[in-house]
N, C-alpha and C. Protein backbone atom coordinates (compact mmCIF):
# COMPACT_ATOMS: atom_id res chain seq x y z
N MET A 1 137.58 83.91 149.91
CA MET A 1 138.03 82.88 148.95
C MET A 1 138.75 83.55 147.79
N HIS A 2 139.89 82.99 147.43
CA HIS A 2 140.67 83.59 146.36
C HIS A 2 139.99 83.40 145.01
N MET A 3 140.37 84.24 144.07
CA MET A 3 139.81 84.16 142.72
C MET A 3 140.34 82.92 142.01
N THR A 4 139.46 82.20 141.35
CA THR A 4 139.86 81.04 140.59
C THR A 4 139.33 81.14 139.17
N ILE A 5 140.08 80.62 138.24
CA ILE A 5 139.69 80.68 136.83
C ILE A 5 138.38 79.94 136.59
N PHE A 6 138.00 79.01 137.50
CA PHE A 6 136.74 78.29 137.35
C PHE A 6 135.55 79.23 137.41
N TYR A 7 135.72 80.41 138.03
CA TYR A 7 134.61 81.33 138.19
C TYR A 7 134.51 82.36 137.07
N THR A 8 135.42 82.33 136.11
CA THR A 8 135.34 83.27 135.01
C THR A 8 134.40 82.71 133.93
N PRO A 9 133.46 83.51 133.45
CA PRO A 9 132.47 83.03 132.48
C PRO A 9 133.08 82.42 131.22
N VAL A 10 134.13 83.05 130.70
CA VAL A 10 134.74 82.54 129.47
C VAL A 10 135.31 81.15 129.68
N PHE A 11 136.02 80.96 130.78
CA PHE A 11 136.59 79.64 131.04
C PHE A 11 135.51 78.60 131.29
N GLN A 12 134.44 79.01 131.99
CA GLN A 12 133.34 78.08 132.24
C GLN A 12 132.74 77.57 130.93
N GLN A 13 132.55 78.48 129.98
CA GLN A 13 132.01 78.08 128.68
C GLN A 13 132.97 77.16 127.94
N MET A 14 134.26 77.48 128.00
CA MET A 14 135.26 76.63 127.36
C MET A 14 135.29 75.25 128.00
N LEU A 15 135.20 75.22 129.34
CA LEU A 15 135.24 73.94 130.06
C LEU A 15 134.01 73.10 129.73
N ARG A 16 132.84 73.73 129.67
CA ARG A 16 131.62 73.00 129.33
C ARG A 16 131.69 72.42 127.91
N LEU A 17 132.18 73.23 126.97
CA LEU A 17 132.30 72.75 125.60
C LEU A 17 133.30 71.60 125.51
N THR A 18 134.44 71.76 126.17
CA THR A 18 135.45 70.70 126.16
C THR A 18 134.91 69.44 126.81
N GLY A 19 134.21 69.60 127.94
CA GLY A 19 133.64 68.46 128.63
C GLY A 19 132.60 67.74 127.79
N PHE A 20 131.75 68.53 127.12
CA PHE A 20 130.71 67.93 126.27
C PHE A 20 131.34 67.11 125.14
N VAL A 21 132.33 67.70 124.48
CA VAL A 21 132.99 67.00 123.38
C VAL A 21 133.70 65.75 123.88
N TYR A 22 134.40 65.88 125.01
CA TYR A 22 135.14 64.74 125.55
C TYR A 22 134.22 63.57 125.87
N LEU A 23 133.10 63.85 126.56
CA LEU A 23 132.17 62.78 126.91
C LEU A 23 131.50 62.18 125.68
N LYS A 24 131.20 63.04 124.71
CA LYS A 24 130.55 62.58 123.48
C LYS A 24 131.47 61.63 122.71
N VAL A 25 132.72 62.04 122.57
CA VAL A 25 133.69 61.23 121.81
C VAL A 25 133.98 59.92 122.51
N THR A 26 134.06 59.94 123.84
CA THR A 26 134.40 58.72 124.59
C THR A 26 133.18 57.86 124.90
N GLY A 27 131.98 58.35 124.57
CA GLY A 27 130.78 57.55 124.76
C GLY A 27 130.20 57.58 126.16
N TRP A 28 130.58 58.58 126.95
CA TRP A 28 130.05 58.70 128.30
C TRP A 28 128.82 59.62 128.31
N ARG A 29 127.97 59.43 129.33
CA ARG A 29 126.84 60.32 129.54
C ARG A 29 126.86 60.80 130.99
N TYR A 30 126.13 61.86 131.27
CA TYR A 30 126.12 62.43 132.61
C TYR A 30 124.71 62.87 132.96
N PHE A 31 124.43 62.99 134.26
CA PHE A 31 123.17 63.56 134.69
C PHE A 31 123.30 64.00 136.16
N SER A 32 122.36 64.78 136.60
CA SER A 32 122.32 65.23 137.99
C SER A 32 120.90 65.11 138.52
N ASN A 33 120.76 64.53 139.72
CA ASN A 33 119.46 64.40 140.37
C ASN A 33 119.27 65.41 141.49
N VAL A 34 120.23 66.30 141.67
CA VAL A 34 120.20 67.16 142.86
C VAL A 34 120.30 68.64 142.49
N GLU A 35 119.79 69.46 143.39
CA GLU A 35 119.99 70.90 143.31
C GLU A 35 121.17 71.25 144.20
N GLN A 36 122.15 71.91 143.66
CA GLN A 36 123.38 72.16 144.40
C GLN A 36 123.18 73.26 145.44
N PRO A 37 123.58 72.98 146.71
CA PRO A 37 123.55 74.04 147.72
C PRO A 37 124.72 75.00 147.53
N ARG A 38 124.80 76.02 148.35
CA ARG A 38 125.87 77.00 148.22
C ARG A 38 127.22 76.43 148.66
N LYS A 39 127.19 75.54 149.63
CA LYS A 39 128.42 74.91 150.11
C LYS A 39 128.19 73.40 150.19
N PHE A 40 129.11 72.65 149.63
CA PHE A 40 128.96 71.19 149.66
C PHE A 40 130.26 70.51 149.27
N ILE A 41 130.32 69.23 149.56
CA ILE A 41 131.45 68.38 149.17
C ILE A 41 130.97 67.42 148.10
N ILE A 42 131.68 67.38 146.98
CA ILE A 42 131.42 66.36 145.97
C ILE A 42 132.25 65.14 146.35
N LEU A 43 131.59 64.06 146.72
CA LEU A 43 132.30 62.82 147.00
C LEU A 43 132.38 62.06 145.68
N ALA A 44 133.57 61.96 145.12
CA ALA A 44 133.74 61.46 143.76
C ALA A 44 134.44 60.10 143.77
N GLY A 45 133.70 59.06 143.46
CA GLY A 45 134.28 57.72 143.46
C GLY A 45 133.57 56.83 142.44
N PRO A 46 134.04 55.64 142.24
CA PRO A 46 135.32 55.12 142.72
C PRO A 46 136.49 55.85 142.04
N HIS A 47 137.61 55.98 142.76
CA HIS A 47 138.78 56.66 142.20
C HIS A 47 139.94 55.68 142.15
N THR A 48 140.16 55.10 140.97
CA THR A 48 141.21 54.09 140.83
C THR A 48 142.12 54.35 139.63
N SER A 49 141.88 55.46 138.90
CA SER A 49 142.61 55.70 137.67
C SER A 49 142.77 57.19 137.42
N ASN A 50 143.81 57.56 136.68
CA ASN A 50 143.98 58.95 136.28
C ASN A 50 142.86 59.41 135.36
N TRP A 51 142.19 58.49 134.68
CA TRP A 51 141.10 58.84 133.77
C TRP A 51 139.87 59.33 134.52
N ASP A 52 139.77 59.02 135.81
CA ASP A 52 138.61 59.46 136.59
C ASP A 52 138.51 60.98 136.62
N PHE A 53 139.66 61.65 136.70
CA PHE A 53 139.66 63.11 136.85
C PHE A 53 139.05 63.82 135.65
N PRO A 54 139.52 63.57 134.41
CA PRO A 54 138.90 64.30 133.29
C PRO A 54 137.43 63.97 133.11
N ILE A 55 137.03 62.74 133.43
CA ILE A 55 135.62 62.38 133.32
C ILE A 55 134.80 63.15 134.34
N MET A 56 135.26 63.16 135.59
CA MET A 56 134.50 63.84 136.64
C MET A 56 134.49 65.34 136.42
N ILE A 57 135.62 65.93 136.02
CA ILE A 57 135.65 67.38 135.77
C ILE A 57 134.71 67.73 134.61
N SER A 58 134.67 66.88 133.58
CA SER A 58 133.74 67.12 132.47
C SER A 58 132.30 67.10 132.96
N CYS A 59 131.98 66.12 133.81
CA CYS A 59 130.62 66.01 134.34
C CYS A 59 130.27 67.20 135.24
N THR A 60 131.20 67.58 136.11
CA THR A 60 130.91 68.70 137.01
C THR A 60 130.70 70.00 136.25
N SER A 61 131.47 70.20 135.18
CA SER A 61 131.31 71.43 134.41
C SER A 61 129.96 71.47 133.71
N LEU A 62 129.49 70.31 133.26
CA LEU A 62 128.23 70.27 132.53
C LEU A 62 127.01 70.38 133.44
N VAL A 63 127.17 70.06 134.71
CA VAL A 63 126.05 70.25 135.65
C VAL A 63 126.18 71.58 136.40
N GLY A 64 127.18 72.39 136.02
CA GLY A 64 127.31 73.73 136.57
C GLY A 64 128.05 73.84 137.89
N ALA A 65 128.75 72.78 138.30
CA ALA A 65 129.52 72.83 139.54
C ALA A 65 130.88 73.46 139.28
N ARG A 66 131.44 74.08 140.30
CA ARG A 66 132.75 74.74 140.20
C ARG A 66 133.64 74.19 141.31
N PRO A 67 134.25 73.07 141.09
CA PRO A 67 134.94 72.38 142.18
C PRO A 67 136.31 72.94 142.53
N TYR A 68 136.57 72.98 143.82
CA TYR A 68 137.91 73.22 144.34
C TYR A 68 138.49 71.88 144.79
N TRP A 69 139.79 71.84 144.98
CA TRP A 69 140.45 70.60 145.41
C TRP A 69 141.59 70.95 146.37
N MET A 70 141.93 70.00 147.23
CA MET A 70 142.98 70.19 148.21
C MET A 70 144.33 69.78 147.64
N GLY A 71 145.37 70.54 147.99
CA GLY A 71 146.72 70.20 147.56
C GLY A 71 147.73 70.57 148.64
N LYS A 72 148.82 69.83 148.71
CA LYS A 72 149.86 70.16 149.68
C LYS A 72 150.39 71.55 149.40
N LYS A 73 150.71 72.25 150.46
CA LYS A 73 151.19 73.63 150.34
C LYS A 73 152.41 73.73 149.43
N ASP A 74 153.24 72.68 149.41
CA ASP A 74 154.45 72.68 148.58
C ASP A 74 154.14 72.84 147.10
N LEU A 75 152.94 72.42 146.68
CA LEU A 75 152.57 72.54 145.27
C LEU A 75 152.37 74.00 144.85
N PHE A 76 152.11 74.85 145.82
CA PHE A 76 151.72 76.22 145.52
C PHE A 76 152.89 77.20 145.64
N ARG A 77 154.05 76.71 145.27
CA ARG A 77 155.24 77.56 145.25
C ARG A 77 155.49 78.06 143.82
N PHE A 78 156.27 79.12 143.73
CA PHE A 78 156.67 79.64 142.42
C PHE A 78 157.39 78.55 141.63
N PRO A 79 157.10 78.37 140.33
CA PRO A 79 156.29 79.25 139.47
C PRO A 79 154.86 78.76 139.27
N PHE A 80 154.43 77.74 140.06
CA PHE A 80 153.11 77.13 139.82
C PHE A 80 152.02 77.65 140.75
N LYS A 81 152.36 78.50 141.72
CA LYS A 81 151.41 78.95 142.72
C LYS A 81 150.15 79.54 142.10
N THR A 82 150.32 80.52 141.24
CA THR A 82 149.17 81.20 140.65
C THR A 82 148.34 80.26 139.80
N PHE A 83 149.01 79.40 139.01
CA PHE A 83 148.30 78.47 138.14
C PHE A 83 147.41 77.53 138.95
N PHE A 84 147.98 76.91 140.00
CA PHE A 84 147.21 75.95 140.78
C PHE A 84 146.06 76.62 141.52
N ARG A 85 146.26 77.83 142.00
CA ARG A 85 145.18 78.53 142.69
C ARG A 85 144.08 78.94 141.71
N TRP A 86 144.47 79.37 140.52
CA TRP A 86 143.47 79.69 139.50
C TRP A 86 142.68 78.46 139.08
N MET A 87 143.29 77.29 139.18
CA MET A 87 142.61 76.06 138.79
C MET A 87 141.82 75.43 139.94
N GLY A 88 141.63 76.20 141.01
CA GLY A 88 140.76 75.73 142.09
C GLY A 88 141.49 75.05 143.23
N GLY A 89 142.81 75.16 143.28
CA GLY A 89 143.55 74.51 144.34
C GLY A 89 143.47 75.26 145.66
N LEU A 90 143.31 74.51 146.75
CA LEU A 90 143.30 75.07 148.10
C LEU A 90 144.52 74.51 148.83
N PRO A 91 145.50 75.35 149.16
CA PRO A 91 146.72 74.84 149.80
C PRO A 91 146.47 74.38 151.23
N ILE A 92 147.02 73.22 151.57
CA ILE A 92 146.92 72.64 152.90
C ILE A 92 148.30 72.56 153.51
N ASP A 93 148.47 73.14 154.69
CA ASP A 93 149.76 73.13 155.38
C ASP A 93 149.77 72.01 156.41
N ARG A 94 150.49 70.93 156.11
CA ARG A 94 150.53 69.78 157.01
C ARG A 94 151.46 70.00 158.20
N SER A 95 152.22 71.07 158.18
CA SER A 95 153.13 71.33 159.29
C SER A 95 152.44 72.06 160.44
N LYS A 96 151.25 72.58 160.20
CA LYS A 96 150.52 73.29 161.23
C LYS A 96 149.97 72.34 162.28
N ARG A 97 149.77 72.87 163.46
CA ARG A 97 149.25 72.05 164.55
C ARG A 97 147.80 71.65 164.30
N ASN A 98 147.04 72.55 163.66
CA ASN A 98 145.67 72.19 163.36
C ASN A 98 145.63 71.24 162.17
N SER A 99 144.67 70.36 162.16
CA SER A 99 144.61 69.29 161.18
C SER A 99 144.13 69.77 159.82
N VAL A 100 144.27 68.90 158.83
CA VAL A 100 143.75 69.19 157.49
C VAL A 100 142.25 69.46 157.57
N VAL A 101 141.55 68.69 158.39
CA VAL A 101 140.11 68.91 158.55
C VAL A 101 139.83 70.31 159.08
N ASP A 102 140.58 70.73 160.09
CA ASP A 102 140.38 72.08 160.65
C ASP A 102 140.60 73.15 159.59
N GLN A 103 141.63 72.98 158.76
CA GLN A 103 141.91 73.97 157.73
C GLN A 103 140.80 74.04 156.70
N MET A 104 140.26 72.86 156.32
CA MET A 104 139.18 72.86 155.35
C MET A 104 137.89 73.42 155.92
N VAL A 105 137.63 73.14 157.19
CA VAL A 105 136.45 73.71 157.84
C VAL A 105 136.55 75.23 157.85
N GLN A 106 137.75 75.75 158.06
CA GLN A 106 137.94 77.20 158.04
C GLN A 106 137.66 77.77 156.65
N TYR A 107 138.11 77.06 155.60
CA TYR A 107 137.79 77.51 154.24
C TYR A 107 136.28 77.61 154.05
N PHE A 108 135.54 76.60 154.52
CA PHE A 108 134.09 76.63 154.37
C PHE A 108 133.47 77.77 155.16
N GLU A 109 133.99 78.03 156.36
CA GLU A 109 133.43 79.09 157.19
C GLU A 109 133.65 80.46 156.57
N GLU A 110 134.76 80.64 155.88
CA GLU A 110 135.10 81.95 155.31
C GLU A 110 134.48 82.18 153.94
N ALA A 111 133.99 81.15 153.29
CA ALA A 111 133.46 81.28 151.93
C ALA A 111 131.95 81.47 151.92
N ASP A 112 131.47 82.27 150.98
CA ASP A 112 130.03 82.38 150.76
C ASP A 112 129.52 81.18 149.97
N GLU A 113 130.35 80.69 149.05
CA GLU A 113 130.04 79.51 148.27
C GLU A 113 131.31 78.67 148.15
N LEU A 114 131.18 77.37 148.26
CA LEU A 114 132.35 76.51 148.11
C LEU A 114 131.91 75.09 147.77
N CYS A 115 132.48 74.58 146.69
CA CYS A 115 132.26 73.20 146.26
C CYS A 115 133.63 72.51 146.31
N LEU A 116 133.76 71.51 147.14
CA LEU A 116 135.04 70.83 147.34
C LEU A 116 134.95 69.41 146.80
N LEU A 117 135.89 69.05 145.93
CA LEU A 117 135.90 67.72 145.32
C LEU A 117 136.87 66.82 146.08
N ILE A 118 136.37 65.68 146.59
CA ILE A 118 137.20 64.75 147.36
C ILE A 118 136.88 63.31 146.93
N PRO A 119 137.90 62.50 146.58
CA PRO A 119 137.67 61.07 146.38
C PRO A 119 137.60 60.39 147.74
N PRO A 120 136.61 59.52 147.98
CA PRO A 120 136.46 58.92 149.31
C PRO A 120 137.64 58.05 149.73
N GLU A 121 138.34 57.47 148.75
CA GLU A 121 139.47 56.60 149.10
C GLU A 121 140.73 57.40 149.43
N GLY A 122 140.75 58.68 149.02
CA GLY A 122 141.91 59.51 149.28
C GLY A 122 143.05 59.31 148.30
N THR A 123 143.00 58.28 147.47
CA THR A 123 144.06 57.97 146.53
C THR A 123 143.51 57.06 145.44
N ARG A 124 144.14 57.08 144.26
CA ARG A 124 143.71 56.17 143.19
C ARG A 124 144.40 54.81 143.31
N LYS A 125 145.43 54.72 144.18
CA LYS A 125 146.18 53.49 144.34
C LYS A 125 145.42 52.52 145.23
N ALA A 126 145.80 51.25 145.18
CA ALA A 126 145.14 50.24 145.99
C ALA A 126 145.33 50.55 147.47
N SER A 127 144.26 50.45 148.25
CA SER A 127 144.34 50.63 149.69
C SER A 127 143.27 49.77 150.34
N GLU A 128 143.50 49.39 151.57
CA GLU A 128 142.57 48.51 152.25
C GLU A 128 141.39 49.26 152.87
N GLN A 129 141.60 50.54 153.17
CA GLN A 129 140.57 51.31 153.85
C GLN A 129 140.43 52.71 153.27
N TRP A 130 139.25 53.25 153.45
CA TRP A 130 139.01 54.64 153.06
C TRP A 130 139.64 55.59 154.07
N LYS A 131 139.88 56.83 153.64
CA LYS A 131 140.23 57.88 154.56
C LYS A 131 138.95 58.45 155.17
N SER A 132 139.06 58.99 156.36
CA SER A 132 137.87 59.51 157.04
C SER A 132 137.75 61.02 156.98
N GLY A 133 138.73 61.70 156.36
CA GLY A 133 138.75 63.16 156.39
C GLY A 133 137.51 63.81 155.83
N PHE A 134 137.00 63.30 154.69
CA PHE A 134 135.83 63.94 154.06
C PHE A 134 134.64 63.95 155.01
N TYR A 135 134.50 62.87 155.78
CA TYR A 135 133.37 62.76 156.71
C TYR A 135 133.45 63.84 157.78
N HIS A 136 134.64 64.00 158.35
CA HIS A 136 134.80 64.95 159.43
C HIS A 136 134.73 66.39 158.94
N ILE A 137 135.17 66.65 157.71
CA ILE A 137 135.00 67.98 157.14
C ILE A 137 133.51 68.31 157.01
N ALA A 138 132.74 67.35 156.50
CA ALA A 138 131.30 67.55 156.35
C ALA A 138 130.63 67.75 157.69
N ARG A 139 131.02 66.94 158.67
CA ARG A 139 130.40 67.01 160.00
C ARG A 139 130.74 68.33 160.70
N GLN A 140 132.02 68.66 160.76
CA GLN A 140 132.44 69.85 161.50
C GLN A 140 132.12 71.14 160.73
N GLY A 141 132.12 71.06 159.39
CA GLY A 141 131.81 72.23 158.58
C GLY A 141 130.33 72.41 158.34
N ASN A 142 129.52 71.44 158.78
CA ASN A 142 128.07 71.48 158.61
C ASN A 142 127.69 71.65 157.15
N VAL A 143 128.33 70.83 156.29
CA VAL A 143 128.04 70.89 154.86
C VAL A 143 127.64 69.48 154.38
N PRO A 144 126.74 69.39 153.41
CA PRO A 144 126.31 68.08 152.91
C PRO A 144 127.30 67.49 151.93
N LEU A 145 127.18 66.20 151.74
CA LEU A 145 127.91 65.50 150.70
C LEU A 145 126.99 65.31 149.50
N ILE A 146 127.51 65.50 148.31
CA ILE A 146 126.80 65.05 147.11
C ILE A 146 127.50 63.78 146.64
N LEU A 147 126.79 62.68 146.69
CA LEU A 147 127.36 61.41 146.28
C LEU A 147 127.37 61.36 144.76
N SER A 148 128.56 61.45 144.19
CA SER A 148 128.72 61.43 142.74
C SER A 148 129.61 60.26 142.37
N TYR A 149 129.52 59.84 141.12
CA TYR A 149 130.28 58.64 140.74
C TYR A 149 130.61 58.63 139.27
N VAL A 150 131.60 57.80 138.95
CA VAL A 150 131.89 57.42 137.56
C VAL A 150 131.77 55.90 137.51
N ASP A 151 130.93 55.42 136.62
CA ASP A 151 130.67 53.99 136.49
C ASP A 151 131.16 53.55 135.11
N TYR A 152 132.26 52.78 135.09
CA TYR A 152 132.88 52.40 133.83
C TYR A 152 132.09 51.33 133.08
N ALA A 153 131.27 50.56 133.78
CA ALA A 153 130.45 49.56 133.09
C ALA A 153 129.35 50.22 132.27
N LYS A 154 128.73 51.25 132.85
CA LYS A 154 127.65 51.97 132.17
C LYS A 154 128.15 53.18 131.39
N LYS A 155 129.44 53.54 131.60
CA LYS A 155 130.02 54.75 131.02
C LYS A 155 129.13 55.94 131.39
N GLU A 156 128.96 56.09 132.69
CA GLU A 156 128.02 57.07 133.21
C GLU A 156 128.64 57.82 134.37
N GLY A 157 128.48 59.14 134.36
CA GLY A 157 128.89 59.97 135.49
C GLY A 157 127.70 60.72 136.02
N ALA A 158 127.60 60.86 137.34
CA ALA A 158 126.37 61.46 137.88
C ALA A 158 126.58 62.12 139.24
N PHE A 159 125.78 63.17 139.48
CA PHE A 159 125.53 63.70 140.80
C PHE A 159 124.25 63.01 141.26
N SER A 160 124.37 62.01 142.11
CA SER A 160 123.23 61.13 142.36
C SER A 160 122.32 61.57 143.49
N GLU A 161 122.88 61.91 144.66
CA GLU A 161 122.03 62.28 145.78
C GLU A 161 122.79 63.11 146.79
N ILE A 162 122.04 63.88 147.58
CA ILE A 162 122.61 64.65 148.68
C ILE A 162 122.51 63.83 149.95
N PHE A 163 123.61 63.78 150.69
CA PHE A 163 123.64 63.02 151.94
C PHE A 163 124.13 63.92 153.06
N GLU A 164 123.32 64.06 154.09
CA GLU A 164 123.68 64.82 155.28
C GLU A 164 124.23 63.85 156.32
N VAL A 165 125.46 64.06 156.75
CA VAL A 165 126.03 63.18 157.77
C VAL A 165 125.28 63.39 159.08
N THR A 166 125.13 62.32 159.84
CA THR A 166 124.32 62.37 161.06
C THR A 166 125.14 62.42 162.33
N GLY A 167 126.42 62.06 162.24
CA GLY A 167 127.25 61.93 163.43
C GLY A 167 127.41 60.48 163.83
N ASP A 168 126.56 59.61 163.30
CA ASP A 168 126.73 58.16 163.51
C ASP A 168 127.70 57.67 162.45
N TYR A 169 128.97 57.71 162.78
CA TYR A 169 130.04 57.48 161.81
C TYR A 169 129.89 56.15 161.07
N GLU A 170 129.77 55.08 161.81
CA GLU A 170 129.74 53.76 161.17
C GLU A 170 128.50 53.57 160.32
N ALA A 171 127.35 54.02 160.79
CA ALA A 171 126.12 53.88 160.00
C ALA A 171 126.19 54.72 158.72
N ASP A 172 126.68 55.95 158.85
CA ASP A 172 126.79 56.82 157.68
C ASP A 172 127.77 56.25 156.66
N MET A 173 128.94 55.81 157.13
CA MET A 173 129.95 55.30 156.22
C MET A 173 129.48 54.00 155.56
N ARG A 174 128.74 53.21 156.30
CA ARG A 174 128.21 51.97 155.71
C ARG A 174 127.24 52.30 154.57
N TYR A 175 126.39 53.29 154.79
CA TYR A 175 125.45 53.70 153.74
C TYR A 175 126.19 54.18 152.50
N ILE A 176 127.21 55.02 152.73
CA ILE A 176 127.96 55.58 151.61
C ILE A 176 128.69 54.49 150.84
N GLN A 177 129.29 53.55 151.57
CA GLN A 177 130.00 52.48 150.87
C GLN A 177 129.06 51.54 150.13
N GLU A 178 127.88 51.33 150.67
CA GLU A 178 126.90 50.52 149.94
C GLU A 178 126.48 51.22 148.66
N PHE A 179 126.40 52.55 148.70
CA PHE A 179 126.08 53.32 147.50
C PHE A 179 127.13 53.08 146.42
N TYR A 180 128.41 53.13 146.78
CA TYR A 180 129.47 52.99 145.80
C TYR A 180 129.76 51.53 145.43
N ALA A 181 129.25 50.59 146.21
CA ALA A 181 129.54 49.18 145.94
C ALA A 181 129.03 48.74 144.57
N GLY A 182 127.97 49.36 144.10
CA GLY A 182 127.40 48.97 142.81
C GLY A 182 127.96 49.73 141.63
N LYS A 183 128.98 50.56 141.86
CA LYS A 183 129.56 51.36 140.78
C LYS A 183 130.87 50.72 140.32
N ALA A 184 131.02 50.60 139.01
CA ALA A 184 132.16 49.87 138.44
C ALA A 184 133.37 50.79 138.29
N ALA A 185 134.43 50.49 139.02
CA ALA A 185 135.68 51.24 138.91
C ALA A 185 136.46 50.76 137.68
N LYS A 186 137.35 51.61 137.20
CA LYS A 186 138.19 51.20 136.07
C LYS A 186 139.13 50.07 136.49
N HIS A 187 139.64 50.16 137.72
CA HIS A 187 140.50 49.11 138.26
C HIS A 187 139.89 48.64 139.57
N PRO A 188 138.93 47.72 139.52
CA PRO A 188 138.20 47.29 140.72
C PRO A 188 139.11 46.76 141.83
N GLU A 189 140.24 46.20 141.44
CA GLU A 189 141.15 45.64 142.45
C GLU A 189 141.75 46.72 143.35
N ASN A 190 141.68 47.98 142.90
CA ASN A 190 142.23 49.07 143.70
C ASN A 190 141.18 49.78 144.55
N PHE A 191 139.93 49.35 144.45
CA PHE A 191 138.86 50.01 145.18
C PHE A 191 138.79 49.48 146.59
N ALA A 192 139.00 50.36 147.58
CA ALA A 192 139.04 49.93 148.98
C ALA A 192 137.73 49.31 149.42
N GLY A 193 137.84 48.25 150.22
CA GLY A 193 136.65 47.53 150.64
C GLY A 193 136.15 47.87 152.02
N GLU A 194 136.93 48.62 152.81
CA GLU A 194 136.52 48.91 154.17
C GLU A 194 136.78 50.38 154.49
N PHE A 195 136.02 50.92 155.44
CA PHE A 195 136.26 52.28 155.89
C PHE A 195 136.99 52.23 157.23
N LEU A 196 137.56 53.35 157.61
CA LEU A 196 138.27 53.42 158.88
C LEU A 196 137.28 53.24 160.03
N THR A 197 137.64 52.43 161.01
CA THR A 197 136.75 52.19 162.13
C THR A 197 137.03 53.14 163.29
N ASP A 198 138.19 53.82 163.27
CA ASP A 198 138.42 54.83 164.30
C ASP A 198 137.77 56.13 163.87
N LYS A 199 137.75 57.10 164.74
CA LYS A 199 137.06 58.36 164.46
C LYS A 199 138.06 59.51 164.40
N SER A 200 139.23 59.23 163.91
CA SER A 200 140.25 60.27 163.77
C SER A 200 139.76 61.33 162.82
N SER A 201 140.04 62.59 163.12
CA SER A 201 139.64 63.70 162.24
C SER A 201 140.75 64.07 161.29
N GLU A 202 141.83 63.30 161.25
CA GLU A 202 142.93 63.58 160.34
C GLU A 202 142.68 62.94 158.99
N THR A 203 143.20 63.55 157.96
CA THR A 203 143.18 62.95 156.63
C THR A 203 144.58 63.01 156.08
N GLU A 204 144.92 62.09 155.21
CA GLU A 204 146.28 62.02 154.69
C GLU A 204 146.37 62.55 153.28
């Protein structure tokens, strides 16, 4: 795994301080009910606004998580390559024959520790269905999901519970969606109401 600025002690302290101040000023609170494993996926939802990112990053820094995120390979070109990689970016090559899921599973296999941040909807824009990629990454990579959320009604961010996927796609996805159904998105009209019913291992 490449070096990322998230793993430097000085930046971690700066990020925690910034996150604490940001949440304090905006009136948000955070908590964690789980002990973080060495490898896991943070499922971060609902994701309907650009404001979700600073809130979730603030919460993850304060609970001691060091999240990586997926980005198209094109983002990691000069002059931004080093910056995005230092900020936890993992380049994904969509032109390869192997899928995005396969590439992420390989990242997990090669890492001693890895925390991957994924929004279940795959986008903050309105969509009718969730993407299925996070599920297949967890299943094939043999890593748990930490169900985390931002709730705008309660102004609360949390690492709520660890969920191990079972391979029963529809039952697992139904449980996960029921978990997020009670969480207030900033733009509820953009929160997808259904998950994919096929079992494609591709993610967009």
